[in-house]
Structures are given as structure tokens and as C-alpha cells.
């Protein structure tokens, strides 16, 4: 028989990196965490982004709200120092950050610049590894680390270009981190939604056509909402999911199974 506490995040703490506005996948996840009782820490990239993220943070009654640009030395570390002071522990951390320079994202992978590829890899993949390293010592009783990926990590998706290899590296990193951190009770996952209309996705060429095609091909005949992604993500942080780790979880109406 299940213990009711296995299906709750009451008293747990969760860090969410990557909320851009109320349409963000990260916001859908934050809402799900909050609905299950978690206390939240939410970050924003810079002062320009703050005005879009602050209403979200206020609505969710976050305990911690502060800047975090993963490219700026010390900002990610400062978030974890604030977690130490406010909570003294961490139970879950979500990484929903990705970036590639437009000229590299919109061009062929073969033509990508070393600088653009390196920047995309650092922000979209290695910052997750850095987050995991910082979270490890705060997850005293185990925890869950989650990164947002995309189907283009596994199969060629038209116009995804440079981000395909970068997300593939992210998913591989998830597996290695799951292996390394598993003995400490820390689970690590990648979530792979189908196309979701977010501000980040609008940077891809022909994205509307991609969404329409994906919805038609998905066995469920529809695409996931940010709430769908949030529910699946929150489930993985529950104690009932304690023996699931190292996986890429698809939340795409079955689109990924189609040939």
C-alpha cells in the first residue's frame, strides 16, 4: 500500500531555472510542484527578464526569487547560497535553459562556428552539470535533477540544426549523472516534450509548421501543454518514482514512436 506522503511534495524544496513568462515549460513545472506542496525558488536571467518572471513568482508565492545568468560567474553559486540560508536543503532542481546564437541556430550544423557551438553547449548542457554539482551537497536525503530536452536530440528535426547535437549531449549527461549520483539517492532525468509554443521555440524556423505536423502524427492527435509537462515532471520528483532514474521521459502524445 502506498504511503500518502509518497504522492506529495509537502515540505519539500524545489529550484526552477528557466522561467521566462507564464507560457514557459518551466512555469508549468513550477505550478505542478507548488500544487503538490513544494516550496519554490525561481530565478530570472536579468533585469530585462525580471518584469516577465516576477508576476509568476509572486503568484506562486516563491520563497526565493533572484537573478541567475549561468554565464555570469558566481550567479548560479549565489542561488545555492541563498538556498542554504533559506532552506538548508534542496529536494528537486529543474534546468529549463537553452540558447544558441541565431546565426548558428538558423544555419547548417556543418557551418556552425566554434564559438556558437561552444556557447550553446555551455548554456544548454554544461550549466546543467554545474547545477547538479552544486545540488549534490544540498540533497541530504536524495533528490531529483531534471533537464528539459527535445526529440531533436534523437532524430533529425528540420530546422533544429545545432541544438540537436547539444541536446543529445544533455541527454547523455543525464545518464552519466544518474550513474554517479545514484548512490546518494539522487535521480536524474531528461524530459522530452514535443513541440510546445514558448518564447524560446519561436526562435526556430518554420516552428508553426513543425507543431502542426507533430500534432497530426502523434497517436494522441495533440501536443502537450506546459501543464502536461509539469505534471509528468512533478511525478518524477515524488517518492513513488524513487527507482526511476537516468531516463529520457517523452511527453509528446506519442509523437516520438512514429517512423
C-alpha atoms as a PDB file:
ATOM      1  CA  UNK A   1       0.000   0.000   0.000  1.00  0.00           C
ATOM      2  CA  UNK A   2       1.198   3.479  -0.864  1.00  0.00           C
ATOM      3  CA  UNK A   3       2.058   5.917   1.856  1.00  0.00           C
ATOM      4  CA  UNK A   4       0.110   9.145   1.089  1.00  0.00           C
ATOM      5  CA  UNK A   5       3.309  11.119   1.697  1.00  0.00           C
ATOM      6  CA  UNK A   6       4.858   9.322  -1.288  1.00  0.00           C
ATOM      7  CA  UNK A   7       2.477  11.283  -3.501  1.00  0.00           C
ATOM      8  CA  UNK A   8       3.116  14.717  -2.019  1.00  0.00           C
ATOM      9  CA  UNK A   9       5.871  17.330  -2.079  1.00  0.00           C
ATOM     10  CA  UNK A  10       4.687  18.872   1.174  1.00  0.00           C
ATOM     11  CA  UNK A  11       7.714  20.255   2.993  1.00  0.00           C
ATOM     12  CA  UNK A  12       9.987  19.653   0.003  1.00  0.00           C
ATOM     13  CA  UNK A  13      12.004  22.351  -1.757  1.00  0.00           C
ATOM     14  CA  UNK A  14      12.442  22.884  -5.497  1.00  0.00           C
ATOM     15  CA  UNK A  15      14.638  25.154  -7.597  1.00  0.00           C
ATOM     16  CA  UNK A  16      13.410  26.144 -11.062  1.00  0.00           C
ATOM     17  CA  UNK A  17      15.833  27.654 -13.557  1.00  0.00           C
ATOM     18  CA  UNK A  18      14.453  28.956 -16.827  1.00  0.00           C
ATOM     19  CA  UNK A  19      11.062  30.565 -16.250  1.00  0.00           C
ATOM     20  CA  UNK A  20      10.695  33.252 -18.913  1.00  0.00           C
ATOM     21  CA  UNK A  21       6.977  34.058 -18.597  1.00  0.00           C
ATOM     22  CA  UNK A  22       3.603  32.408 -17.986  1.00  0.00           C
ATOM     23  CA  UNK A  23       3.955  30.384 -21.201  1.00  0.00           C
ATOM     24  CA  UNK A  24       7.227  28.734 -20.178  1.00  0.00           C
ATOM     25  CA  UNK A  25       7.508  24.984 -19.711  1.00  0.00           C
ATOM     26  CA  UNK A  26       9.392  25.813 -16.519  1.00  0.00           C
ATOM     27  CA  UNK A  27       6.325  27.707 -15.276  1.00  0.00           C
ATOM     28  CA  UNK A  28       4.135  24.666 -15.935  1.00  0.00           C
ATOM     29  CA  UNK A  29       6.546  22.633 -13.833  1.00  0.00           C
ATOM     30  CA  UNK A  30       6.673  25.237 -11.060  1.00  0.00           C
ATOM     31  CA  UNK A  31       2.872  25.243 -10.872  1.00  0.00           C
ATOM     32  CA  UNK A  32       2.814  21.458 -10.552  1.00  0.00           C
ATOM     33  CA  UNK A  33       5.466  21.479  -7.825  1.00  0.00           C
ATOM     34  CA  UNK A  34       3.520  24.136  -5.932  1.00  0.00           C
ATOM     35  CA  UNK A  35       0.233  22.249  -6.278  1.00  0.00           C
ATOM     36  CA  UNK A  36       1.864  19.245  -4.616  1.00  0.00           C
ATOM     37  CA  UNK A  37       3.067  21.362  -1.703  1.00  0.00           C
ATOM     38  CA  UNK A  38       6.666  22.242  -2.594  1.00  0.00           C
ATOM     39  CA  UNK A  39       8.389  25.461  -1.564  1.00  0.00           C
ATOM     40  CA  UNK A  40       9.893  27.193  -4.577  1.00  0.00           C
ATOM     41  CA  UNK A  41      12.976  29.096  -5.679  1.00  0.00           C
ATOM     42  CA  UNK A  42      12.636  30.771  -9.073  1.00  0.00           C
ATOM     43  CA  UNK A  43      15.293  32.694 -10.956  1.00  0.00           C
ATOM     44  CA  UNK A  44      15.286  35.221 -13.773  1.00  0.00           C
ATOM     45  CA  UNK A  45      18.078  35.861 -16.253  1.00  0.00           C
ATOM     46  CA  UNK A  46      18.492  39.637 -15.963  1.00  0.00           C
ATOM     47  CA  UNK A  47      16.682  42.910 -15.228  1.00  0.00           C
ATOM     48  CA  UNK A  48      15.024  42.865 -18.654  1.00  0.00           C
ATOM     49  CA  UNK A  49      13.558  39.430 -17.968  1.00  0.00           C
ATOM     50  CA  UNK A  50      12.551  40.214 -14.392  1.00  0.00           C
ATOM     51  CA  UNK A  51       9.359  42.093 -15.283  1.00  0.00           C
ATOM     52  CA  UNK A  52       8.016  38.997 -17.070  1.00  0.00           C
ATOM     53  CA  UNK A  53       9.030  36.495 -14.386  1.00  0.00           C
ATOM     54  CA  UNK A  54       8.200  38.457 -11.231  1.00  0.00           C
ATOM     55  CA  UNK A  55       4.387  38.200 -11.617  1.00  0.00           C
ATOM     56  CA  UNK A  56       4.797  34.436 -11.979  1.00  0.00           C
ATOM     57  CA  UNK A  57       6.983  34.223  -8.885  1.00  0.00           C
ATOM     58  CA  UNK A  58       4.524  36.308  -6.874  1.00  0.00           C
ATOM     59  CA  UNK A  59       1.561  34.200  -7.966  1.00  0.00           C
ATOM     60  CA  UNK A  60       3.392  31.063  -6.837  1.00  0.00           C
ATOM     61  CA  UNK A  61       4.454  32.671  -3.537  1.00  0.00           C
ATOM     62  CA  UNK A  62       8.089  31.713  -4.030  1.00  0.00           C
ATOM     63  CA  UNK A  63      10.470  31.750  -1.073  1.00  0.00           C
ATOM     64  CA  UNK A  64      13.452  32.740  -3.214  1.00  0.00           C
ATOM     65  CA  UNK A  65      13.416  34.985  -6.276  1.00  0.00           C
ATOM     66  CA  UNK A  66      16.722  36.168  -7.627  1.00  0.00           C
ATOM     67  CA  UNK A  67      18.794  36.627 -10.799  1.00  0.00           C
ATOM     68  CA  UNK A  68      20.730  33.785 -12.360  1.00  0.00           C
ATOM     69  CA  UNK A  69      22.551  34.138 -15.647  1.00  0.00           C
ATOM     70  CA  UNK A  70      24.520  30.903 -15.927  1.00  0.00           C
ATOM     71  CA  UNK A  71      27.147  32.709 -18.000  1.00  0.00           C
ATOM     72  CA  UNK A  72      27.917  35.184 -15.243  1.00  0.00           C
ATOM     73  CA  UNK A  73      30.496  33.956 -12.772  1.00  0.00           C
ATOM     74  CA  UNK A  74      29.071  33.424  -9.308  1.00  0.00           C
ATOM     75  CA  UNK A  75      25.365  33.883 -10.047  1.00  0.00           C
ATOM     76  CA  UNK A  76      24.461  30.191 -10.026  1.00  0.00           C
ATOM     77  CA  UNK A  77      26.540  29.732  -6.891  1.00  0.00           C
ATOM     78  CA  UNK A  78      24.731  32.663  -5.257  1.00  0.00           C
ATOM     79  CA  UNK A  79      21.391  30.942  -5.807  1.00  0.00           C
ATOM     80  CA  UNK A  80      22.604  27.877  -3.941  1.00  0.00           C
ATOM     81  CA  UNK A  81      23.982  30.025  -1.150  1.00  0.00           C
ATOM     82  CA  UNK A  82      20.519  31.574  -0.809  1.00  0.00           C
ATOM     83  CA  UNK A  83      19.045  28.061  -0.672  1.00  0.00           C
ATOM     84  CA  UNK A  84      21.466  27.242   2.161  1.00  0.00           C
ATOM     85  CA  UNK A  85      20.337  30.298   4.110  1.00  0.00           C
ATOM     86  CA  UNK A  86      16.604  29.948   3.430  1.00  0.00           C
ATOM     87  CA  UNK A  87      16.101  26.189   3.487  1.00  0.00           C
ATOM     88  CA  UNK A  88      19.344  24.422   4.370  1.00  0.00           C
ATOM     89  CA  UNK A  89      18.486  21.680   1.886  1.00  0.00           C
ATOM     90  CA  UNK A  90      17.253  21.010  -1.629  1.00  0.00           C
ATOM     91  CA  UNK A  91      14.987  18.227  -2.878  1.00  0.00           C
ATOM     92  CA  UNK A  92      14.491  18.968  -6.577  1.00  0.00           C
ATOM     93  CA  UNK A  93      16.091  21.144  -9.236  1.00  0.00           C
ATOM     94  CA  UNK A  94      14.808  21.801 -12.741  1.00  0.00           C
ATOM     95  CA  UNK A  95      17.003  23.100 -15.568  1.00  0.00           C
ATOM     96  CA  UNK A  96      14.976  24.552 -18.445  1.00  0.00           C
ATOM     97  CA  UNK A  97      17.599  26.712 -20.136  1.00  0.00           C
ATOM     98  CA  UNK A  98      18.795  26.580 -23.733  1.00  0.00           C
ATOM     99  CA  UNK A  99      20.433  29.037 -26.093  1.00  0.00           C
ATOM    100  CA  UNK A 100      22.251  29.174 -29.418  1.00  0.00           C
ATOM    101  CA  UNK A 101      23.281  32.273 -31.401  1.00  0.00           C
ATOM    102  CA  UNK A 102      20.729  32.922 -34.143  1.00  0.00           C
ATOM    103  CA  UNK A 103      23.257  32.761 -36.958  1.00  0.00           C
ATOM    104  CA  UNK A 104      24.334  29.301 -35.823  1.00  0.00           C
ATOM    105  CA  UNK A 105      20.841  28.056 -34.995  1.00  0.00           C
ATOM    106  CA  UNK A 106      19.441  29.092 -38.374  1.00  0.00           C
ATOM    107  CA  UNK A 107      22.338  27.742 -40.399  1.00  0.00           C
ATOM    108  CA  UNK A 108      23.561  24.257 -41.163  1.00  0.00           C
ATOM    109  CA  UNK A 109      25.314  22.322 -38.420  1.00  0.00           C
ATOM    110  CA  UNK A 110      28.224  21.920 -40.834  1.00  0.00           C
ATOM    111  CA  UNK A 111      28.569  25.693 -40.968  1.00  0.00           C
ATOM    112  CA  UNK A 112      28.268  26.356 -37.225  1.00  0.00           C
ATOM    113  CA  UNK A 113      31.027  28.399 -35.664  1.00  0.00           C
ATOM    114  CA  UNK A 114      33.238  27.003 -32.897  1.00  0.00           C
ATOM    115  CA  UNK A 115      32.192  29.933 -30.723  1.00  0.00           C
ATOM    116  CA  UNK A 116      28.473  29.421 -31.354  1.00  0.00           C
ATOM    117  CA  UNK A 117      28.640  25.686 -30.779  1.00  0.00           C
ATOM    118  CA  UNK A 118      30.642  26.150 -27.599  1.00  0.00           C
ATOM    119  CA  UNK A 119      28.234  28.777 -26.273  1.00  0.00           C
ATOM    120  CA  UNK A 120      25.206  26.604 -26.985  1.00  0.00           C
ATOM    121  CA  UNK A 121      26.854  23.653 -25.274  1.00  0.00           C
ATOM    122  CA  UNK A 122      27.861  25.674 -22.223  1.00  0.00           C
ATOM    123  CA  UNK A 123      24.451  27.262 -21.614  1.00  0.00           C
ATOM    124  CA  UNK A 124      22.245  24.362 -22.677  1.00  0.00           C
ATOM    125  CA  UNK A 125      24.247  21.426 -21.328  1.00  0.00           C
ATOM    126  CA  UNK A 126      27.203  22.203 -19.114  1.00  0.00           C
ATOM    127  CA  UNK A 127      25.233  24.593 -16.907  1.00  0.00           C
ATOM    128  CA  UNK A 128      23.042  21.593 -16.025  1.00  0.00           C
ATOM    129  CA  UNK A 129      26.152  19.698 -14.972  1.00  0.00           C
ATOM    130  CA  UNK A 130      27.232  22.677 -12.862  1.00  0.00           C
ATOM    131  CA  UNK A 131      23.777  22.822 -11.309  1.00  0.00           C
ATOM    132  CA  UNK A 132      23.998  19.114 -10.481  1.00  0.00           C
ATOM    133  CA  UNK A 133      27.370  19.565  -8.806  1.00  0.00           C
ATOM    134  CA  UNK A 134      26.033  22.371  -6.620  1.00  0.00           C
ATOM    135  CA  UNK A 135      22.819  20.492  -5.820  1.00  0.00           C
ATOM    136  CA  UNK A 136      24.597  17.285  -4.818  1.00  0.00           C
ATOM    137  CA  UNK A 137      25.807  18.500  -1.428  1.00  0.00           C
ATOM    138  CA  UNK A 138      22.417  20.070  -0.628  1.00  0.00           C
ATOM    139  CA  UNK A 139      20.369  16.935  -1.342  1.00  0.00           C
ATOM    140  CA  UNK A 140      20.968  15.414   2.079  1.00  0.00           C
ATOM    141  CA  UNK A 141      18.243  12.798   1.733  1.00  0.00           C
ATOM    142  CA  UNK A 142      18.441  12.306  -2.004  1.00  0.00           C
ATOM    143  CA  UNK A 143      16.542  14.286  -4.603  1.00  0.00           C
ATOM    144  CA  UNK A 144      15.738  14.742  -8.264  1.00  0.00           C
ATOM    145  CA  UNK A 145      17.502  16.666 -11.021  1.00  0.00           C
ATOM    146  CA  UNK A 146      15.629  17.306 -14.253  1.00  0.00           C
ATOM    147  CA  UNK A 147      16.719  18.797 -17.583  1.00  0.00           C
ATOM    148  CA  UNK A 148      14.485  19.801 -20.484  1.00  0.00           C
ATOM    149  CA  UNK A 149      15.411  18.193 -23.795  1.00  0.00           C
ATOM    150  CA  UNK A 150      13.696  17.718 -27.173  1.00  0.00           C
ATOM    151  CA  UNK A 151      13.100  14.981 -29.762  1.00  0.00           C
ATOM    152  CA  UNK A 152      15.744  16.583 -31.999  1.00  0.00           C
ATOM    153  CA  UNK A 153      18.350  15.035 -29.682  1.00  0.00           C
ATOM    154  CA  UNK A 154      17.407  11.598 -31.004  1.00  0.00           C
ATOM    155  CA  UNK A 155      16.188  12.160 -34.562  1.00  0.00           C
ATOM    156  CA  UNK A 156      16.877  14.813 -37.168  1.00  0.00           C
ATOM    157  CA  UNK A 157      14.247  17.555 -36.898  1.00  0.00           C
ATOM    158  CA  UNK A 158      14.160  20.081 -39.702  1.00  0.00           C
ATOM    159  CA  UNK A 159      15.455  23.490 -38.560  1.00  0.00           C
ATOM    160  CA  UNK A 160      16.648  22.232 -35.159  1.00  0.00           C
ATOM    161  CA  UNK A 161      20.184  22.192 -36.537  1.00  0.00           C
ATOM    162  CA  UNK A 162      22.883  22.985 -33.963  1.00  0.00           C
ATOM    163  CA  UNK A 163      20.630  22.237 -30.999  1.00  0.00           C
ATOM    164  CA  UNK A 164      20.256  18.575 -31.956  1.00  0.00           C
ATOM    165  CA  UNK A 165      23.819  17.565 -31.000  1.00  0.00           C
ATOM    166  CA  UNK A 166      23.686  19.880 -27.967  1.00  0.00           C
ATOM    167  CA  UNK A 167      20.519  18.251 -26.597  1.00  0.00           C
ATOM    168  CA  UNK A 168      21.960  14.818 -27.367  1.00  0.00           C
ATOM    169  CA  UNK A 169      24.918  15.741 -25.152  1.00  0.00           C
ATOM    170  CA  UNK A 170      22.470  16.868 -22.462  1.00  0.00           C
ATOM    171  CA  UNK A 171      20.613  13.552 -22.513  1.00  0.00           C
ATOM    172  CA  UNK A 172      23.892  11.630 -22.357  1.00  0.00           C
ATOM    173  CA  UNK A 173      24.980  13.795 -19.411  1.00  0.00           C
ATOM    174  CA  UNK A 174      21.746  12.867 -17.648  1.00  0.00           C
ATOM    175  CA  UNK A 175      22.634   9.179 -17.882  1.00  0.00           C
ATOM    176  CA  UNK A 176      26.166   9.673 -16.589  1.00  0.00           C
ATOM    177  CA  UNK A 177      24.997  11.887 -13.739  1.00  0.00           C
ATOM    178  CA  UNK A 178      22.346   9.332 -12.816  1.00  0.00           C
ATOM    179  CA  UNK A 179      25.120   6.755 -12.546  1.00  0.00           C
ATOM    180  CA  UNK A 180      27.397   8.991 -10.499  1.00  0.00           C
ATOM    181  CA  UNK A 181      24.785  10.400  -8.128  1.00  0.00           C
ATOM    182  CA  UNK A 182      22.569   7.337  -7.749  1.00  0.00           C
ATOM    183  CA  UNK A 183      24.416   6.014  -4.680  1.00  0.00           C
ATOM    184  CA  UNK A 184      23.442   9.245  -2.879  1.00  0.00           C
ATOM    185  CA  UNK A 185      19.771   8.748  -3.694  1.00  0.00           C
ATOM    186  CA  UNK A 186      19.755  11.438  -6.387  1.00  0.00           C
ATOM    187  CA  UNK A 187      17.750  10.648  -9.517  1.00  0.00           C
ATOM    188  CA  UNK A 188      18.424  12.414 -12.807  1.00  0.00           C
ATOM    189  CA  UNK A 189      16.083  12.712 -15.772  1.00  0.00           C
ATOM    190  CA  UNK A 190      15.598  14.421 -19.098  1.00  0.00           C
ATOM    191  CA  UNK A 191      12.079  15.437 -20.117  1.00  0.00           C
ATOM    192  CA  UNK A 192      11.446  15.476 -23.854  1.00  0.00           C
ATOM    193  CA  UNK A 193       8.228  17.300 -24.745  1.00  0.00           C
ATOM    194  CA  UNK A 194       7.044  17.524 -28.287  1.00  0.00           C
ATOM    195  CA  UNK A 195       6.842  20.997 -29.819  1.00  0.00           C
ATOM    196  CA  UNK A 196       5.466  23.453 -27.254  1.00  0.00           C
ATOM    197  CA  UNK A 197       4.777  27.072 -28.185  1.00  0.00           C
ATOM    198  CA  UNK A 198       7.146  29.024 -25.945  1.00  0.00           C
ATOM    199  CA  UNK A 199       9.247  32.140 -26.412  1.00  0.00           C
ATOM    200  CA  UNK A 200      12.374  30.001 -26.865  1.00  0.00           C
ATOM    201  CA  UNK A 201      10.715  27.846 -29.525  1.00  0.00           C
ATOM    202  CA  UNK A 202       9.771  30.929 -31.543  1.00  0.00           C
ATOM    203  CA  UNK A 203      13.448  31.251 -32.457  1.00  0.00           C
ATOM    204  CA  UNK A 204      13.246  28.139 -34.634  1.00  0.00           C
ATOM    205  CA  UNK A 205      12.478  28.472 -38.336  1.00  0.00           C
ATOM    206  CA  UNK A 206       9.128  27.063 -39.508  1.00  0.00           C
ATOM    207  CA  UNK A 207       8.075  26.268 -35.946  1.00  0.00           C
ATOM    208  CA  UNK A 208       4.334  26.655 -36.601  1.00  0.00           C
ATOM    209  CA  UNK A 209       4.552  24.100 -39.411  1.00  0.00           C
ATOM    210  CA  UNK A 210       6.501  21.787 -37.117  1.00  0.00           C
ATOM    211  CA  UNK A 211       3.780  21.981 -34.455  1.00  0.00           C
ATOM    212  CA  UNK A 212       1.005  21.300 -36.943  1.00  0.00           C
ATOM    213  CA  UNK A 213       2.818  18.309 -38.412  1.00  0.00           C
ATOM    214  CA  UNK A 214       3.670  16.869 -34.997  1.00  0.00           C
ATOM    215  CA  UNK A 215       0.077  17.114 -33.793  1.00  0.00           C
ATOM    216  CA  UNK A 216      -1.161  15.264 -36.882  1.00  0.00           C
ATOM    217  CA  UNK A 217       1.398  12.485 -36.497  1.00  0.00           C
ATOM    218  CA  UNK A 218       1.106  11.964 -32.742  1.00  0.00           C
ATOM    219  CA  UNK A 219      -1.038   8.923 -31.840  1.00  0.00           C
ATOM    220  CA  UNK A 220      -2.995  11.057 -29.371  1.00  0.00           C
ATOM    221  CA  UNK A 221      -3.582  13.646 -32.084  1.00  0.00           C
ATOM    222  CA  UNK A 222      -2.493  16.521 -29.882  1.00  0.00           C
ATOM    223  CA  UNK A 223       0.589  18.114 -28.375  1.00  0.00           C
ATOM    224  CA  UNK A 224       1.472  18.551 -24.734  1.00  0.00           C
ATOM    225  CA  UNK A 225       0.704  21.734 -22.840  1.00  0.00           C
ATOM    226  CA  UNK A 226       3.011  23.228 -20.236  1.00  0.00           C
ATOM    227  CA  UNK A 227       0.646  21.752 -17.634  1.00  0.00           C
ATOM    228  CA  UNK A 228       1.059  18.265 -19.123  1.00  0.00           C
ATOM    229  CA  UNK A 229       4.832  18.597 -18.991  1.00  0.00           C
ATOM    230  CA  UNK A 230       4.661  19.987 -15.471  1.00  0.00           C
ATOM    231  CA  UNK A 231       2.552  17.077 -14.209  1.00  0.00           C
ATOM    232  CA  UNK A 232       4.967  14.490 -15.613  1.00  0.00           C
ATOM    233  CA  UNK A 233       7.957  16.359 -14.227  1.00  0.00           C
ATOM    234  CA  UNK A 234       6.437  16.669 -10.773  1.00  0.00           C
ATOM    235  CA  UNK A 235       5.632  12.954 -10.735  1.00  0.00           C
ATOM    236  CA  UNK A 236       9.328  12.137 -11.160  1.00  0.00           C
ATOM    237  CA  UNK A 237      10.177  14.097  -8.009  1.00  0.00           C
ATOM    238  CA  UNK A 238       7.733  12.085  -5.874  1.00  0.00           C
ATOM    239  CA  UNK A 239       8.864   9.248  -3.655  1.00  0.00           C
ATOM    240  CA  UNK A 240       6.746   6.808  -5.687  1.00  0.00           C
ATOM    241  CA  UNK A 241       9.196   7.408  -8.544  1.00  0.00           C
ATOM    242  CA  UNK A 242      12.273   6.763  -6.400  1.00  0.00           C
ATOM    243  CA  UNK A 243      13.509   3.849  -8.511  1.00  0.00           C
ATOM    244  CA  UNK A 244      13.194   5.638 -11.855  1.00  0.00           C
ATOM    245  CA  UNK A 245      16.399   7.351 -12.927  1.00  0.00           C
ATOM    246  CA  UNK A 246      18.591   8.075 -15.925  1.00  0.00           C
ATOM    247  CA  UNK A 247      15.642   8.196 -18.300  1.00  0.00           C
ATOM    248  CA  UNK A 248      14.523  10.457 -21.097  1.00  0.00           C
ATOM    249  CA  UNK A 249      10.782  10.785 -20.500  1.00  0.00           C
ATOM    250  CA  UNK A 250       8.699  11.719 -23.526  1.00  0.00           C
ATOM    251  CA  UNK A 251       5.639  13.907 -23.002  1.00  0.00           C
ATOM    252  CA  UNK A 252       4.555  14.318 -26.616  1.00  0.00           C
ATOM    253  CA  UNK A 253       1.340  12.399 -27.220  1.00  0.00           C
ATOM    254  CA  UNK A 254       3.388   9.504 -28.596  1.00  0.00           C
ATOM    255  CA  UNK A 255       4.941  11.534 -31.424  1.00  0.00           C
ATOM    256  CA  UNK A 256       8.402  10.050 -30.777  1.00  0.00           C
ATOM    257  CA  UNK A 257       7.307   6.481 -31.586  1.00  0.00           C
ATOM    258  CA  UNK A 258       6.313   7.331 -35.149  1.00  0.00           C
ATOM    259  CA  UNK A 259       8.634   6.462 -38.021  1.00  0.00           C
END
